[in-house]
């Protein structure tokens, strides 16, 4: 250490970098230095606005998917929250947020905020959902809702208490929405209308692709593994197409000694209305093959959806094939969500369906570990 300089005299170091004989210099911070958790980028008022949004998480999903979907909706963006202050402030300036902060509780305590969107790593979802609901905020959380049965029980208790409280007051229960966007895709809506009523058979394939074993996604405490963390998308999709809830689950994995966080599995779902679905979630497929494919068979009719770009029908009067640009339902989900937040209305996905899908993902892991069918309990 060549020298130690008080922070206020920083220029004695930075002003002569490369000119002095210093090898290593330390800046000394006063213990009383004030720290700030937020930076105001734009001081505009939100007092009379509806649908004011706070986003917790400034990662790739937020910047590449959420914000482009919100932009045409002219959403009122007040807070962007990230553990890294620089990340939050940079995204705030680029996307038009008023405030960048590292403390999500600041957004929860702001009466202007109507909708809190949680896009963090999976292990943070449950505690943030609970905090946001307790603060009376409408909540969108990217999948999964949570990682453990204990977390799920806490969310159910919190939501149930809010339901009781709000039943005594003339106000709407805060919305809780999980990012199961596939059910809002145009092709899903088309399939649903063509299927009509009655039990169906579904074969859904997710050619998920390889992710290195050291990725946080595979960490059971942080990401929950790809079945709980990602395959829940397709469990919800199958449940929506079946029009019923999962009553039992069986999952088998590739290999002779599968791990709990395996991502080469087949999940069999049995539904209350007699429908059956098989979800093949594979990480060992070719990159040249479609990432997502869904087959629905019912009453001597078949639908085949390929990669959200084409939909074929066999046995349907007046429908045989359609195609479009890829649309997985994100934009429509956010449009409907903001509409509900600003104008009121029923939840986009019923609470009991969210819980059923989450329980089914947990049951799949139990089935793999114990080698048996696992029954799903009612909410």
Protein backbone atom coordinates (compact mmCIF):
# COMPACT_ATOMS: atom_id res chain seq x y z
CA UNK A 1 0.00 0.00 0.00
CA UNK A 2 1.65 3.21 -1.18
CA UNK A 3 -0.79 5.68 0.34
CA UNK A 4 -4.11 6.12 2.14
CA UNK A 5 -6.25 9.08 1.10
CA UNK A 6 -9.57 10.36 2.59
CA UNK A 7 -12.47 10.00 0.15
CA UNK A 8 -12.93 13.77 -0.04
CA UNK A 9 -9.39 14.05 -1.41
CA UNK A 10 -9.84 11.41 -4.10
CA UNK A 11 -8.45 13.73 -6.76
CA UNK A 12 -4.95 13.40 -5.31
CA UNK A 13 -5.05 9.82 -6.58
CA UNK A 14 -7.26 9.94 -9.67
CA UNK A 15 -5.92 13.27 -10.84
CA UNK A 16 -2.41 11.90 -11.25
CA UNK A 17 -2.86 8.28 -12.27
CA UNK A 18 0.12 7.23 -14.34
CA UNK A 19 2.24 10.17 -13.19
CA UNK A 20 3.02 9.23 -9.62
CA UNK A 21 5.03 6.35 -8.27
CA UNK A 22 2.02 4.84 -6.49
CA UNK A 23 1.56 1.10 -6.63
CA UNK A 24 -1.64 0.69 -4.60
CA UNK A 25 -3.72 3.47 -3.07
CA UNK A 26 -6.61 3.14 -0.63
CA UNK A 27 -9.58 5.50 -0.39
CA UNK A 28 -10.72 5.85 3.23
CA UNK A 29 -14.48 6.11 3.74
CA UNK A 30 -15.89 7.90 6.76
CA UNK A 31 -18.18 5.61 8.77
CA UNK A 32 -20.82 8.33 8.66
CA UNK A 33 -21.01 8.44 4.86
CA UNK A 34 -24.66 8.29 3.79
CA UNK A 35 -25.70 5.51 1.45
CA UNK A 36 -28.68 5.68 -0.87
CA UNK A 37 -30.70 2.71 -2.07
CA UNK A 38 -32.43 4.55 -4.90
CA UNK A 39 -31.80 7.05 -7.66
CA UNK A 40 -34.52 9.23 -9.18
CA UNK A 41 -34.19 9.26 -12.94
CA UNK A 42 -37.40 11.15 -13.69
CA UNK A 43 -39.32 13.16 -11.08
CA UNK A 44 -42.68 12.97 -12.91
CA UNK A 45 -45.83 12.53 -10.83
CA UNK A 46 -47.87 9.31 -10.82
CA UNK A 47 -50.57 10.48 -8.42
CA UNK A 48 -53.56 10.18 -10.77
CA UNK A 49 -52.25 7.28 -12.87
CA UNK A 50 -53.59 3.74 -12.83
CA UNK A 51 -51.57 0.64 -13.61
CA UNK A 52 -48.32 2.02 -12.16
CA UNK A 53 -45.71 -0.74 -12.35
CA UNK A 54 -42.71 -1.73 -10.26
CA UNK A 55 -40.49 -4.50 -11.66
CA UNK A 56 -38.24 -6.45 -9.32
CA UNK A 57 -35.45 -7.97 -11.38
CA UNK A 58 -33.45 -6.31 -14.15
CA UNK A 59 -32.17 -9.39 -15.94
CA UNK A 60 -32.51 -10.65 -19.48
CA UNK A 61 -36.15 -11.74 -19.17
CA UNK A 62 -37.15 -8.25 -18.05
CA UNK A 63 -35.20 -6.42 -20.75
CA UNK A 64 -35.86 -8.84 -23.63
CA UNK A 65 -39.42 -9.99 -22.96
CA UNK A 66 -41.31 -7.99 -20.32
CA UNK A 67 -40.38 -4.46 -21.34
CA UNK A 68 -40.96 -4.93 -25.10
CA UNK A 69 -44.40 -6.36 -24.27
CA UNK A 70 -45.25 -3.47 -21.93
CA UNK A 71 -44.05 -0.70 -24.25
CA UNK A 72 -47.01 -0.67 -26.69
CA UNK A 73 -49.35 -0.83 -23.68
CA UNK A 74 -47.94 2.50 -22.45
CA UNK A 75 -47.50 1.09 -18.95
CA UNK A 76 -46.58 3.61 -16.25
CA UNK A 77 -43.10 2.43 -15.18
CA UNK A 78 -42.11 3.82 -11.79
CA UNK A 79 -39.59 1.42 -10.21
CA UNK A 80 -36.97 -0.96 -11.49
CA UNK A 81 -35.36 -2.96 -8.70
CA UNK A 82 -32.08 -4.85 -8.87
CA UNK A 83 -29.50 -5.97 -6.34
CA UNK A 84 -26.95 -4.23 -8.55
CA UNK A 85 -27.59 -0.50 -8.47
CA UNK A 86 -25.77 0.11 -11.75
CA UNK A 87 -27.86 -2.50 -13.55
CA UNK A 88 -31.08 -0.91 -12.29
CA UNK A 89 -30.10 2.67 -13.09
CA UNK A 90 -28.87 1.75 -16.58
CA UNK A 91 -32.11 -0.06 -17.43
CA UNK A 92 -34.16 2.73 -15.85
CA UNK A 93 -32.64 5.32 -18.18
CA UNK A 94 -33.03 3.09 -21.23
CA UNK A 95 -36.62 1.96 -20.58
CA UNK A 96 -38.10 5.06 -18.97
CA UNK A 97 -38.47 4.11 -15.31
CA UNK A 98 -38.72 7.01 -12.88
CA UNK A 99 -36.75 5.39 -10.05
CA UNK A 100 -34.00 2.78 -9.84
CA UNK A 101 -33.53 1.10 -6.48
CA UNK A 102 -31.83 -1.82 -4.77
CA UNK A 103 -34.55 -2.10 -2.08
CA UNK A 104 -37.80 -3.64 -3.35
CA UNK A 105 -39.59 -2.69 -0.14
CA UNK A 106 -39.40 0.93 -1.25
CA UNK A 107 -41.67 0.07 -4.17
CA UNK A 108 -44.00 -1.95 -1.94
CA UNK A 109 -44.49 0.99 0.41
CA UNK A 110 -45.33 3.41 -2.41
CA UNK A 111 -49.08 4.01 -2.72
CA UNK A 112 -48.67 4.92 -6.41
CA UNK A 113 -47.66 1.35 -7.32
CA UNK A 114 -50.56 -0.85 -8.45
CA UNK A 115 -48.69 -3.80 -9.94
CA UNK A 116 -45.48 -5.49 -8.77
CA UNK A 117 -43.78 -7.75 -11.32
CA UNK A 118 -41.24 -10.24 -9.96
CA UNK A 119 -38.66 -11.59 -12.42
CA UNK A 120 -35.81 -12.54 -10.07
CA UNK A 121 -34.13 -15.90 -9.63
CA UNK A 122 -36.58 -18.53 -8.49
CA UNK A 123 -35.61 -18.78 -4.82
CA UNK A 124 -36.70 -15.16 -4.28
CA UNK A 125 -40.17 -15.56 -5.78
CA UNK A 126 -42.08 -16.83 -2.74
CA UNK A 127 -40.88 -14.29 -0.12
CA UNK A 128 -41.35 -11.40 -2.54
CA UNK A 129 -44.83 -12.59 -3.54
CA UNK A 130 -45.82 -12.79 0.13
CA UNK A 131 -44.40 -9.34 0.90
CA UNK A 132 -46.13 -7.80 -2.12
CA UNK A 133 -49.51 -9.38 -1.27
CA UNK A 134 -49.25 -8.20 2.33
CA UNK A 135 -48.57 -4.70 0.97
CA UNK A 136 -51.86 -4.92 -0.93
CA UNK A 137 -50.27 -4.95 -4.38
CA UNK A 138 -51.38 -6.81 -7.48
CA UNK A 139 -48.63 -9.32 -8.22
CA UNK A 140 -47.22 -10.88 -11.37
CA UNK A 141 -44.47 -13.43 -10.74
CA UNK A 142 -42.61 -15.20 -13.51
CA UNK A 143 -42.75 -18.97 -13.14
CA UNK A 144 -42.40 -20.81 -10.85
CA UNK A 145 -44.57 -19.47 -8.03
CA UNK A 146 -42.31 -21.07 -5.43
CA UNK A 147 -39.88 -23.94 -4.90
CA UNK A 148 -41.17 -25.87 -1.87
CA UNK A 149 -44.38 -27.10 -0.28
CA UNK A 150 -43.64 -24.92 2.76
CA UNK A 151 -43.42 -21.80 0.60
CA UNK A 152 -46.63 -22.78 -1.19
CA UNK A 153 -48.44 -23.21 2.12
CA UNK A 154 -47.29 -19.75 3.23
CA UNK A 155 -48.58 -18.19 0.00
CA UNK A 156 -51.94 -19.97 0.35
CA UNK A 157 -52.31 -18.77 3.96
CA UNK A 158 -51.37 -15.19 3.01
CA UNK A 159 -53.80 -15.12 0.09
CA UNK A 160 -56.59 -16.69 2.15
CA UNK A 161 -56.20 -14.06 4.88
CA UNK A 162 -56.38 -11.31 2.27
CA UNK A 163 -59.51 -12.88 0.83
CA UNK A 164 -61.19 -12.80 4.25
CA UNK A 165 -60.07 -9.22 4.92
CA UNK A 166 -61.21 -7.95 1.53
CA UNK A 167 -64.60 -9.67 1.82
CA UNK A 168 -65.35 -7.23 4.63
CA UNK A 169 -64.35 -4.20 2.56
CA UNK A 170 -65.65 -2.83 -0.76
CA UNK A 171 -62.45 -3.43 -2.68
CA UNK A 172 -61.05 -6.02 -5.05
CA UNK A 173 -58.77 -8.77 -3.84
CA UNK A 174 -55.22 -8.18 -5.15
CA UNK A 175 -54.53 -10.17 -8.30
CA UNK A 176 -51.91 -12.91 -8.22
CA UNK A 177 -50.71 -14.00 -11.66
CA UNK A 178 -47.96 -16.49 -12.49
CA UNK A 179 -46.21 -16.21 -15.86
CA UNK A 180 -47.89 -19.20 -17.48
CA UNK A 181 -48.03 -17.32 -20.75
CA UNK A 182 -48.53 -20.31 -23.05
CA UNK A 183 -52.26 -20.47 -22.29
CA UNK A 184 -52.61 -16.94 -23.73
CA UNK A 185 -50.90 -17.73 -27.05
CA UNK A 186 -53.13 -17.35 -30.16
CA UNK A 187 -52.61 -21.00 -31.14
CA UNK A 188 -53.61 -22.14 -27.64
CA UNK A 189 -56.82 -20.13 -27.89
CA UNK A 190 -57.50 -21.64 -31.32
CA UNK A 191 -56.88 -25.18 -30.05
CA UNK A 192 -59.14 -24.57 -27.06
CA UNK A 193 -61.99 -23.38 -29.28
CA UNK A 194 -61.62 -26.34 -31.66
CA UNK A 195 -61.44 -28.98 -28.93
CA UNK A 196 -64.66 -27.98 -27.19
CA UNK A 197 -65.81 -30.10 -24.25
CA UNK A 198 -64.82 -33.63 -23.27
CA UNK A 199 -61.75 -35.59 -22.27
CA UNK A 200 -58.65 -35.39 -24.45
CA UNK A 201 -55.24 -36.99 -24.85
CA UNK A 202 -52.25 -34.65 -25.04
CA UNK A 203 -48.62 -35.28 -25.95
CA UNK A 204 -46.48 -32.20 -25.31
CA UNK A 205 -42.77 -32.12 -26.08
CA UNK A 206 -40.30 -29.54 -24.81
CA UNK A 207 -36.97 -29.85 -26.62
CA UNK A 208 -35.47 -27.71 -23.89
CA UNK A 209 -31.81 -27.88 -24.83
CA UNK A 210 -28.71 -28.54 -22.76
CA UNK A 211 -27.81 -26.32 -19.80
CA UNK A 212 -24.48 -26.94 -18.00
CA UNK A 213 -24.73 -28.75 -14.68
CA UNK A 214 -23.21 -25.80 -12.79
CA UNK A 215 -25.97 -23.39 -13.88
CA UNK A 216 -28.10 -21.86 -11.10
CA UNK A 217 -31.16 -23.31 -12.84
CA UNK A 218 -30.14 -26.82 -11.74
CA UNK A 219 -29.42 -25.73 -8.16
CA UNK A 220 -32.40 -27.06 -6.17
CA UNK A 221 -32.16 -24.25 -3.59
CA UNK A 222 -31.86 -21.42 -6.13
CA UNK A 223 -33.48 -22.56 -9.38
CA UNK A 224 -35.45 -25.58 -8.19
CA UNK A 225 -34.39 -27.66 -11.19
CA UNK A 226 -35.91 -27.42 -14.66
CA UNK A 227 -39.07 -29.41 -13.92
CA UNK A 228 -40.28 -27.14 -11.12
CA UNK A 229 -38.69 -24.09 -12.72
CA UNK A 230 -39.68 -24.56 -16.38
CA UNK A 231 -41.84 -27.62 -17.11
CA UNK A 232 -44.58 -26.06 -14.97
CA UNK A 233 -45.30 -23.95 -18.11
CA UNK A 234 -46.51 -27.04 -19.93
CA UNK A 235 -48.35 -28.49 -16.95
CA UNK A 236 -50.45 -25.32 -16.92
CA UNK A 237 -50.87 -25.46 -20.71
CA UNK A 238 -52.10 -29.06 -20.58
CA UNK A 239 -54.47 -28.26 -17.72
CA UNK A 240 -55.90 -25.32 -19.66
CA UNK A 241 -56.44 -27.40 -22.79
CA UNK A 242 -57.99 -30.24 -20.77
CA UNK A 243 -60.23 -27.86 -18.85
CA UNK A 244 -59.58 -29.79 -15.67
CA UNK A 245 -57.22 -30.16 -12.71
CA UNK A 246 -54.44 -32.71 -12.27
CA UNK A 247 -55.35 -35.45 -9.79
CA UNK A 248 -52.21 -37.62 -10.00
CA UNK A 249 -48.72 -37.53 -11.47
CA UNK A 250 -46.06 -40.04 -12.46
CA UNK A 251 -42.60 -39.09 -13.74
CA UNK A 252 -39.79 -41.19 -15.14
CA UNK A 253 -36.28 -40.07 -16.06
CA UNK A 254 -33.61 -41.07 -18.56
CA UNK A 255 -30.83 -43.23 -17.17
CA UNK A 256 -30.46 -45.86 -14.47
CA UNK A 257 -29.67 -43.51 -11.57
CA UNK A 258 -31.59 -40.28 -12.23
CA UNK A 259 -30.99 -37.22 -10.09
CA UNK A 260 -33.72 -35.10 -8.52
CA UNK A 261 -32.83 -32.23 -10.87
CA UNK A 262 -32.93 -34.37 -14.02
CA UNK A 263 -34.00 -32.56 -17.18
CA UNK A 264 -34.63 -35.61 -19.38
CA UNK A 265 -38.02 -36.82 -18.15
CA UNK A 266 -41.49 -37.92 -19.15
CA UNK A 267 -44.35 -36.70 -16.95
CA UNK A 268 -47.76 -38.40 -17.08
CA UNK A 269 -50.70 -36.34 -15.81
CA UNK A 270 -54.13 -37.78 -14.97
CA UNK A 271 -57.02 -35.30 -14.87
CA UNK A 272 -60.28 -35.18 -12.93
CA UNK A 273 -62.36 -35.20 -16.14
CA UNK A 274 -60.64 -38.31 -17.50
CA UNK A 275 -58.13 -36.53 -19.71
CA UNK A 276 -54.52 -37.67 -19.89
CA UNK A 277 -51.38 -35.74 -20.80
CA UNK A 278 -47.77 -36.76 -21.35
CA UNK A 279 -45.12 -34.05 -21.11
CA UNK A 280 -41.76 -35.03 -22.57
CA UNK A 281 -39.17 -32.58 -21.24
CA UNK A 282 -35.86 -33.40 -22.90
CA UNK A 283 -32.48 -31.68 -22.82
CA UNK A 284 -30.78 -34.16 -25.16
CA UNK A 285 -32.57 -33.37 -28.42
CA UNK A 286 -31.22 -31.76 -31.56
CA UNK A 287 -31.11 -27.97 -31.79
CA UNK A 288 -32.45 -28.32 -35.32
CA UNK A 289 -35.70 -29.81 -34.04
CA UNK A 290 -38.65 -27.72 -32.82
CA UNK A 291 -38.34 -26.52 -29.24
CA UNK A 292 -42.02 -27.00 -28.44
CA UNK A 293 -44.65 -29.27 -29.97
CA UNK A 294 -48.15 -30.14 -28.76
CA UNK A 295 -50.53 -32.85 -30.03
CA UNK A 296 -54.15 -32.97 -28.88
CA UNK A 297 -56.34 -35.97 -29.77
CA UNK A 298 -60.09 -36.12 -29.14
CA UNK A 299 -63.21 -37.64 -30.74
CA UNK A 300 -61.37 -38.87 -33.84
CA UNK A 301 -59.79 -35.46 -34.33
CA UNK A 302 -56.20 -34.35 -33.94
CA UNK A 303 -54.39 -31.02 -33.57
CA UNK A 304 -50.65 -30.56 -34.00
CA UNK A 305 -48.99 -27.31 -32.92
CA UNK A 306 -45.36 -26.92 -33.95
CA UNK A 307 -43.11 -24.36 -32.28
CA UNK A 308 -45.89 -21.75 -32.03
CA UNK A 309 -45.57 -21.16 -35.77
CA UNK A 310 -47.93 -23.70 -37.35
CA UNK A 311 -51.13 -25.42 -36.28
CA UNK A 312 -52.59 -28.38 -38.19
CA UNK A 313 -56.02 -29.89 -37.76
CA UNK A 314 -57.18 -33.35 -38.81
CA UNK A 315 -60.84 -34.29 -38.71
CA UNK A 316 -62.12 -30.75 -38.13
CA UNK A 317 -64.71 -29.28 -40.47
CA UNK A 318 -63.51 -25.95 -41.83
CA UNK A 319 -60.02 -26.08 -40.36
CA UNK A 320 -56.90 -27.82 -41.62
CA UNK A 321 -53.87 -25.57 -41.18
CA UNK A 322 -52.74 -22.09 -40.18
CA UNK A 323 -49.39 -20.46 -39.57
CA UNK A 324 -48.06 -17.22 -38.09
CA UNK A 325 -45.00 -15.63 -36.58
CA UNK A 326 -44.02 -17.19 -33.27
CA UNK A 327 -46.18 -15.95 -30.41
CA UNK A 328 -45.99 -17.63 -26.99
CA UNK A 329 -48.58 -15.41 -25.37
CA UNK A 330 -46.46 -12.94 -23.42
CA UNK A 331 -47.92 -9.81 -25.00
CA UNK A 332 -51.53 -10.92 -24.57
CA UNK A 333 -50.94 -11.97 -20.98
CA UNK A 334 -49.51 -8.56 -20.05
CA UNK A 335 -52.26 -6.75 -21.97
CA UNK A 336 -54.97 -8.59 -20.09
CA UNK A 337 -53.14 -8.17 -16.79
CA UNK A 338 -52.86 -4.39 -17.12
CA UNK A 339 -56.50 -4.27 -18.19
CA UNK A 340 -57.51 -6.09 -15.00
CA UNK A 341 -55.30 -3.89 -12.82
CA UNK A 342 -56.65 -0.64 -14.25
CA UNK A 343 -60.31 -1.60 -14.78
CA UNK A 344 -60.91 -4.50 -12.39
CA UNK A 345 -62.03 -8.02 -13.13
CA UNK A 346 -61.40 -11.66 -12.31
CA UNK A 347 -57.84 -13.08 -12.04
CA UNK A 348 -56.29 -14.11 -15.36
CA UNK A 349 -55.61 -17.58 -13.96
CA UNK A 350 -57.82 -18.81 -11.10
CA UNK A 351 -55.88 -19.17 -7.85
CA UNK A 352 -56.81 -22.83 -7.44
CA UNK A 353 -55.43 -23.62 -10.90
CA UNK A 354 -52.12 -21.94 -10.06
CA UNK A 355 -51.88 -23.99 -6.88
CA UNK A 356 -52.79 -27.22 -8.70
CA UNK A 357 -50.07 -26.69 -11.33
CA UNK A 358 -47.50 -25.93 -8.64
CA UNK A 359 -48.46 -29.00 -6.63
CA UNK A 360 -48.25 -31.14 -9.77
CA UNK A 361 -44.67 -29.99 -10.40
CA UNK A 362 -43.72 -30.92 -6.83
CA UNK A 363 -45.51 -34.27 -7.19
CA UNK A 364 -43.45 -35.06 -10.30
CA UNK A 365 -40.24 -34.82 -8.27
CA UNK A 366 -41.68 -36.98 -5.49
CA UNK A 367 -42.77 -39.55 -8.08
CA UNK A 368 -39.26 -39.73 -9.53
CA UNK A 369 -37.68 -40.15 -6.11
CA UNK A 370 -40.15 -42.75 -4.83
CA UNK A 371 -41.04 -44.53 -8.08
CA UNK A 372 -44.81 -44.26 -7.78
CA UNK A 373 -47.90 -42.32 -8.79
CA UNK A 374 -48.48 -39.29 -6.53
CA UNK A 375 -51.96 -38.00 -5.78
CA UNK A 376 -52.65 -34.24 -5.80
CA UNK A 377 -54.56 -32.90 -2.82
CA UNK A 378 -57.27 -30.27 -3.19
CA UNK A 379 -56.55 -26.66 -2.20
